[in-house]
Protein backbone atom coordinates (compact mmCIF):
# COMPACT_ATOMS: atom_id res chain seq x y z
CA MET A 1 -19.10 -9.00 3.48
CA THR A 2 -16.25 -11.26 4.52
CA THR A 3 -13.16 -9.31 5.36
CA LEU A 4 -9.50 -10.24 5.87
CA ALA A 5 -10.09 -9.77 9.54
CA HIS A 6 -12.55 -12.69 9.38
CA GLU A 7 -9.74 -14.66 7.63
CA GLY A 8 -7.35 -14.04 10.43
CA TRP A 9 -5.27 -11.12 9.06
CA THR A 10 -4.14 -8.40 11.51
CA PRO A 11 -5.71 -4.95 11.14
CA VAL A 12 -2.60 -2.76 11.10
CA THR A 13 -4.51 0.56 10.73
CA PRO A 14 -7.67 1.62 12.43
CA ALA A 15 -10.66 1.94 10.00
CA HIS A 16 -10.65 5.48 8.56
CA SER A 17 -13.50 7.24 6.80
CA ASP A 18 -13.94 10.44 4.85
CA GLY A 19 -17.73 10.25 4.68
CA GLU A 20 -17.98 8.53 1.24
CA TYR A 21 -15.29 5.91 1.71
CA THR A 22 -14.08 3.72 4.68
CA TRP A 23 -10.69 1.90 4.40
CA GLN A 24 -8.39 -0.18 6.55
CA MET A 25 -5.06 -1.96 5.99
CA PHE A 26 -4.39 -5.59 7.02
CA ALA A 27 -1.26 -7.65 7.20
CA ASP A 28 -0.06 -11.10 7.82
CA ALA A 29 3.26 -12.92 7.86
CA GLU A 30 2.18 -16.37 6.48
CA ARG A 31 3.58 -17.70 3.24
CA PRO A 32 0.84 -17.13 0.66
CA SER A 33 -1.05 -20.12 -0.59
CA PHE A 34 -0.24 -19.40 -4.17
CA ALA A 35 3.57 -19.44 -3.39
CA ASP A 36 3.98 -22.98 -4.86
CA VAL A 37 2.22 -22.25 -8.12
CA VAL A 38 4.17 -19.25 -9.23
CA PRO A 39 6.86 -19.83 -11.86
CA LYS A 40 9.64 -20.06 -9.25
CA PRO A 41 8.23 -21.36 -5.90
CA TRP A 42 8.87 -19.03 -3.00
CA PRO A 43 11.04 -20.38 -0.14
CA VAL A 44 9.39 -22.15 2.79
CA GLY A 45 10.21 -20.67 6.25
CA ALA A 46 11.18 -17.21 4.86
CA ASP A 47 10.20 -13.92 6.50
CA TYR A 48 6.95 -12.90 4.65
CA LEU A 49 4.98 -9.75 4.93
CA ASN A 50 1.65 -9.55 3.09
CA VAL A 51 -0.21 -6.29 3.15
CA PHE A 52 -3.74 -5.57 1.84
CA ILE A 53 -6.06 -2.57 1.79
CA GLU A 54 -9.85 -2.91 1.94
CA ALA A 55 -12.10 -0.04 1.06
CA VAL A 56 -15.83 0.33 0.88
CA ASP A 57 -17.96 3.18 -0.58
CA SER A 58 -21.13 4.51 0.78
CA ALA A 59 -23.14 2.30 -1.46
CA GLY A 60 -21.41 -0.90 -0.13
CA HIS A 61 -19.15 -1.51 -3.09
CA SER A 62 -15.80 -2.78 -2.13
CA MET A 63 -12.22 -2.57 -3.47
CA GLY A 64 -9.17 -4.41 -2.36
CA ASN A 65 -5.47 -4.64 -3.30
CA GLY A 66 -2.41 -6.04 -1.81
CA THR A 67 1.29 -6.86 -2.02
CA TYR A 68 2.66 -10.22 -1.07
CA GLY A 69 6.26 -11.33 -0.70
CA LEU A 70 9.40 -11.65 1.20
CA ARG A 71 10.12 -8.85 3.75
CA GLU A 72 13.12 -6.95 2.42
CA GLU A 73 15.43 -5.56 4.96
CA SER A 74 16.69 -3.25 2.34
CA GLN A 75 13.20 -1.61 2.18
CA PRO A 76 12.82 0.45 5.27
CA LEU A 77 10.14 2.54 3.38
CA TYR A 78 7.69 1.31 0.79
CA TYR A 79 4.53 2.56 -0.86
CA SER A 80 1.98 1.43 -3.41
CA LEU A 81 -1.11 2.77 -4.95
CA SER A 82 -4.31 0.86 -5.45
CA SER A 83 -7.37 1.80 -7.56
CA LYS A 84 -10.54 0.37 -9.00
CA GLU A 85 -13.11 2.16 -11.10
CA GLY A 86 -15.42 4.18 -8.99
CA PHE A 87 -12.91 4.55 -6.22
CA PRO A 88 -10.17 7.12 -5.67
CA GLN A 89 -6.57 5.97 -5.79
CA PHE A 90 -5.43 4.81 -2.41
CA LEU A 91 -1.90 5.38 -1.19
CA GLU A 92 -0.61 2.77 1.12
CA VAL A 93 2.63 3.39 3.04
CA ARG A 94 4.67 1.12 5.37
CA PHE A 95 7.91 1.86 7.07
CA ILE A 96 10.15 0.34 9.73
CA GLU A 97 9.28 1.32 13.20
CA ASP A 98 12.74 2.98 13.71
CA LEU A 99 11.78 5.86 11.40
CA ALA A 100 10.42 8.87 13.19
CA GLY A 101 7.91 9.50 10.51
CA VAL A 102 7.23 9.83 6.82
CA THR A 103 6.28 12.78 4.51
CA VAL A 104 3.93 12.24 1.57
CA GLU A 105 4.26 14.86 -1.24
CA THR A 106 1.59 15.18 -3.77
CA ASP A 107 1.13 17.91 -6.47
CA ARG A 108 -1.40 19.63 -4.09
CA ARG A 109 -0.24 19.06 -0.54
CA THR A 110 2.35 17.73 1.82
CA ILE A 111 1.25 15.34 4.62
CA VAL A 112 3.58 14.63 7.57
CA ILE A 113 2.91 11.31 9.23
CA ASP A 114 4.34 11.09 12.83
CA ALA A 115 5.39 7.55 13.72
CA ALA A 116 4.41 8.15 17.39
CA ASP A 117 0.84 8.31 16.25
CA ILE A 118 0.91 4.82 14.61
CA GLU A 119 1.00 1.48 16.47
CA PRO A 120 3.67 -0.81 15.06
CA HIS A 121 2.82 -4.31 13.76
CA TYR A 122 5.33 -6.91 12.46
CA GLY A 123 8.09 -4.40 13.14
CA MET A 124 6.61 -1.79 10.83
CA ARG A 125 4.13 1.06 10.81
CA PHE A 126 1.25 1.26 8.28
CA TRP A 127 -0.68 4.20 6.97
CA ALA A 128 -3.18 4.81 4.02
CA MET A 129 -5.29 7.57 2.46
CA PRO A 130 -7.28 8.18 -0.72
CA LEU A 131 -5.97 10.76 -3.12
CA GLU A 132 -8.26 13.52 -4.06
CA ASP A 133 -9.80 13.57 -7.60
CA GLY A 134 -7.03 14.63 -9.95
CA GLU A 135 -4.33 14.59 -7.22
CA ASN A 136 -0.98 13.01 -8.13
CA LEU A 137 1.62 11.42 -5.86
CA VAL A 138 5.00 12.97 -6.24
CA ALA A 139 7.13 11.17 -3.54
CA VAL A 140 7.23 9.53 -0.19
CA THR A 141 10.22 10.48 2.00
CA SER A 142 11.78 9.79 5.36
CA ARG A 143 15.20 10.40 6.91
CA GLY A 144 17.12 10.86 3.61
CA ILE A 145 15.04 8.25 1.67
CA ARG A 146 13.14 9.59 -1.21
CA LEU A 147 10.90 7.35 -3.23
CA GLU A 148 9.79 9.41 -6.17
CA HIS A 149 6.57 8.11 -7.86
CA VAL A 150 6.76 7.52 -11.51
CA ASP A 151 3.35 7.44 -13.22
CA THR A 152 3.09 4.34 -15.41
CA SER A 153 -0.56 4.74 -16.40
CA GLY A 154 0.47 5.72 -19.91
CA ILE A 155 2.21 2.49 -20.64
CA PRO A 156 0.16 0.56 -23.24
CA ALA A 157 -0.79 -2.93 -22.05
CA GLU A 158 -0.02 -4.34 -25.46
CA THR A 159 3.68 -3.46 -25.36
CA GLY A 160 4.40 -3.08 -21.72
CA TYR A 161 6.70 -0.09 -22.42
CA TYR A 162 6.51 3.60 -23.36
CA PRO A 163 6.56 4.34 -27.11
CA LEU A 164 9.86 5.78 -28.19
CA PRO A 165 9.84 9.18 -29.77
CA ASN A 166 10.10 9.40 -33.57
């Protein structure tokens, strides 16, 4: 299997495993190749930060998902969720290295992530984990910043918005 590491991306987390799944986050700061073919081309020479998670199950099936774009100084804390049928949802968190840590709140547990335990890359720290079956993300917080998760899985693809009550 070709991984992002083979393509020159920097591993920004160690490979983690829970027995059934192994995952790792990668990042790079290059302008993405598709940046010229989007409706409005992305600027050349801007400060990009592209982040991707790769996960593999015990049968060798893989899952990957990423975020591409300009690094936003106004986003000291960011999270995303990735999923693929047959895999748990993976929570990916990145935060500026000046933050002492992050707290992840789910409807089942609270996870405290100490920045001192995470090596910085690109001026940020990266962390990821799979959510347990049926577990829901509530929020990701740090130093007065609270990013509450809004579940959008109920939005119909046909309309792109929640149906209004009658």
